[in-house]
Amino acid sequence: MRTTLTLDEDIAAKLREEMQRTGRPLKQIVNETLREGLTRTRRKKLPPFRVRTRKLGHYPGLDYDNVGVLLEQVEGPFHK
């Protein structure tokens, strides 16, 4: 099917870049891009991700200010 299509400048520039990058003709790039866009399934909108926090408590004798020291206290000198 032959048709006339008016493209926005940014789209035309991207098509030219793709033609130079791949060496493929404009017709092939436009057809593949439209086919991919038109066959893509629409995703359902997911509810926002929420982080649920909980108190972990405090263990006496552990230094929570320095991660290196904390790892050494919990896992021993070979923690790395």
C-alpha atoms as a PDB file:
ATOM      1  CA  MET A   1       0.000   0.000   0.000  1.00  0.00           C
ATOM      2  CA  ARG A   2       1.363   3.417  -0.903  1.00  0.00           C
ATOM      3  CA  THR A   3       0.562   6.374   1.289  1.00  0.00           C
ATOM      4  CA  THR A   4       1.942   9.770   2.239  1.00  0.00           C
ATOM      5  CA  LEU A   5       3.036  10.155   5.819  1.00  0.00           C
ATOM      6  CA  THR A   6       4.109  13.400   7.486  1.00  0.00           C
ATOM      7  CA  LEU A   7       6.655  12.785  10.245  1.00  0.00           C
ATOM      8  CA  ASP A   8       7.688  15.065  13.073  1.00  0.00           C
ATOM      9  CA  GLU A   9      11.322  16.195  12.858  1.00  0.00           C
ATOM     10  CA  ASP A  10      12.441  14.217  15.909  1.00  0.00           C
ATOM     11  CA  ILE A  11      10.955  10.996  14.500  1.00  0.00           C
ATOM     12  CA  ALA A  12      12.485  11.609  11.074  1.00  0.00           C
ATOM     13  CA  ALA A  13      15.882  12.182  12.695  1.00  0.00           C
ATOM     14  CA  LYS A  14      15.640   8.918  14.619  1.00  0.00           C
ATOM     15  CA  LEU A  15      14.666   7.060  11.446  1.00  0.00           C
ATOM     16  CA  ARG A  16      17.651   8.552   9.601  1.00  0.00           C
ATOM     17  CA  GLU A  17      19.960   7.533  12.470  1.00  0.00           C
ATOM     18  CA  GLU A  18      18.594   3.978  12.344  1.00  0.00           C
ATOM     19  CA  MET A  19      19.056   3.869   8.564  1.00  0.00           C
ATOM     20  CA  GLN A  20      22.697   4.949   8.918  1.00  0.00           C
ATOM     21  CA  ARG A  21      23.342   2.598  11.822  1.00  0.00           C
ATOM     22  CA  THR A  22      21.877  -0.512  10.207  1.00  0.00           C
ATOM     23  CA  GLY A  23      22.119   0.223   6.484  1.00  0.00           C
ATOM     24  CA  ARG A  24      18.494  -0.870   6.045  1.00  0.00           C
ATOM     25  CA  PRO A  25      16.004   1.035   3.883  1.00  0.00           C
ATOM     26  CA  LEU A  26      13.480   3.465   5.362  1.00  0.00           C
ATOM     27  CA  LYS A  27      10.509   1.303   4.333  1.00  0.00           C
ATOM     28  CA  GLN A  28      11.825  -1.712   6.274  1.00  0.00           C
ATOM     29  CA  ILE A  29      12.587   0.291   9.418  1.00  0.00           C
ATOM     30  CA  VAL A  30       9.202   2.039   9.416  1.00  0.00           C
ATOM     31  CA  ASN A  31       7.302  -1.221   8.855  1.00  0.00           C
ATOM     32  CA  GLU A  32       9.188  -3.094  11.587  1.00  0.00           C
ATOM     33  CA  THR A  33       8.808  -0.226  14.064  1.00  0.00           C
ATOM     34  CA  LEU A  34       5.079   0.172  13.406  1.00  0.00           C
ATOM     35  CA  ARG A  35       4.517  -3.589  13.549  1.00  0.00           C
ATOM     36  CA  GLU A  36       6.297  -3.824  16.903  1.00  0.00           C
ATOM     37  CA  GLY A  37       4.393  -0.860  18.329  1.00  0.00           C
ATOM     38  CA  LEU A  38       0.993  -2.011  17.114  1.00  0.00           C
ATOM     39  CA  THR A  39       1.350  -5.609  18.315  1.00  0.00           C
ATOM     40  CA  ARG A  40       2.672  -4.749  21.776  1.00  0.00           C
ATOM     41  CA  THR A  41       0.144  -5.711  24.420  1.00  0.00           C
ATOM     42  CA  ARG A  42      -0.997  -3.033  26.803  1.00  0.00           C
ATOM     43  CA  ARG A  43      -0.023  -3.597  30.396  1.00  0.00           C
ATOM     44  CA  LYS A  44      -2.485  -3.249  33.208  1.00  0.00           C
ATOM     45  CA  LYS A  45      -1.750  -0.443  35.607  1.00  0.00           C
ATOM     46  CA  LEU A  46      -0.268  -1.927  38.753  1.00  0.00           C
ATOM     47  CA  PRO A  47      -0.884  -0.519  42.210  1.00  0.00           C
ATOM     48  CA  PRO A  48       2.061   1.476  43.598  1.00  0.00           C
ATOM     49  CA  PHE A  49       4.743  -0.562  45.324  1.00  0.00           C
ATOM     50  CA  ARG A  50       4.679  -0.113  49.092  1.00  0.00           C
ATOM     51  CA  VAL A  51       7.430  -1.018  51.519  1.00  0.00           C
ATOM     52  CA  ARG A  52       6.204  -2.426  54.787  1.00  0.00           C
ATOM     53  CA  THR A  53       8.546  -1.672  57.646  1.00  0.00           C
ATOM     54  CA  ARG A  54       8.915  -3.500  60.904  1.00  0.00           C
ATOM     55  CA  LYS A  55      11.015  -3.054  63.990  1.00  0.00           C
ATOM     56  CA  LEU A  56      13.999  -5.381  64.133  1.00  0.00           C
ATOM     57  CA  GLY A  57      14.915  -4.574  67.682  1.00  0.00           C
ATOM     58  CA  HIS A  58      18.270  -3.693  69.174  1.00  0.00           C
ATOM     59  CA  TYR A  59      20.818  -6.214  70.349  1.00  0.00           C
ATOM     60  CA  PRO A  60      23.084  -4.961  73.136  1.00  0.00           C
ATOM     61  CA  GLY A  61      26.795  -5.128  72.387  1.00  0.00           C
ATOM     62  CA  LEU A  62      26.490  -4.636  68.616  1.00  0.00           C
ATOM     63  CA  ASP A  63      27.797  -1.431  66.994  1.00  0.00           C
ATOM     64  CA  TYR A  64      25.228  -0.268  64.418  1.00  0.00           C
ATOM     65  CA  ASP A  65      27.205   2.868  63.467  1.00  0.00           C
ATOM     66  CA  ASN A  66      30.007   1.077  61.613  1.00  0.00           C
ATOM     67  CA  VAL A  67      29.019  -1.652  59.145  1.00  0.00           C
ATOM     68  CA  GLY A  68      32.516  -3.123  58.988  1.00  0.00           C
ATOM     69  CA  VAL A  69      32.703  -3.533  62.752  1.00  0.00           C
ATOM     70  CA  LEU A  70      29.160  -4.920  62.851  1.00  0.00           C
ATOM     71  CA  LEU A  71      29.983  -7.560  60.208  1.00  0.00           C
ATOM     72  CA  GLU A  72      33.112  -8.522  62.092  1.00  0.00           C
ATOM     73  CA  GLN A  73      31.132  -8.864  65.332  1.00  0.00           C
ATOM     74  CA  VAL A  74      28.383 -10.967  63.727  1.00  0.00           C
ATOM     75  CA  GLU A  75      30.260 -13.034  61.105  1.00  0.00           C
ATOM     76  CA  GLY A  76      33.792 -13.058  62.459  1.00  0.00           C
ATOM     77  CA  PRO A  77      37.056 -11.889  60.906  1.00  0.00           C
ATOM     78  CA  PHE A  78      36.518 -13.746  57.595  1.00  0.00           C
ATOM     79  CA  HIS A  79      33.293 -11.918  56.613  1.00  0.00           C
ATOM     80  CA  LYS A  80      34.750 -10.631  53.323  1.00  0.00           C
END
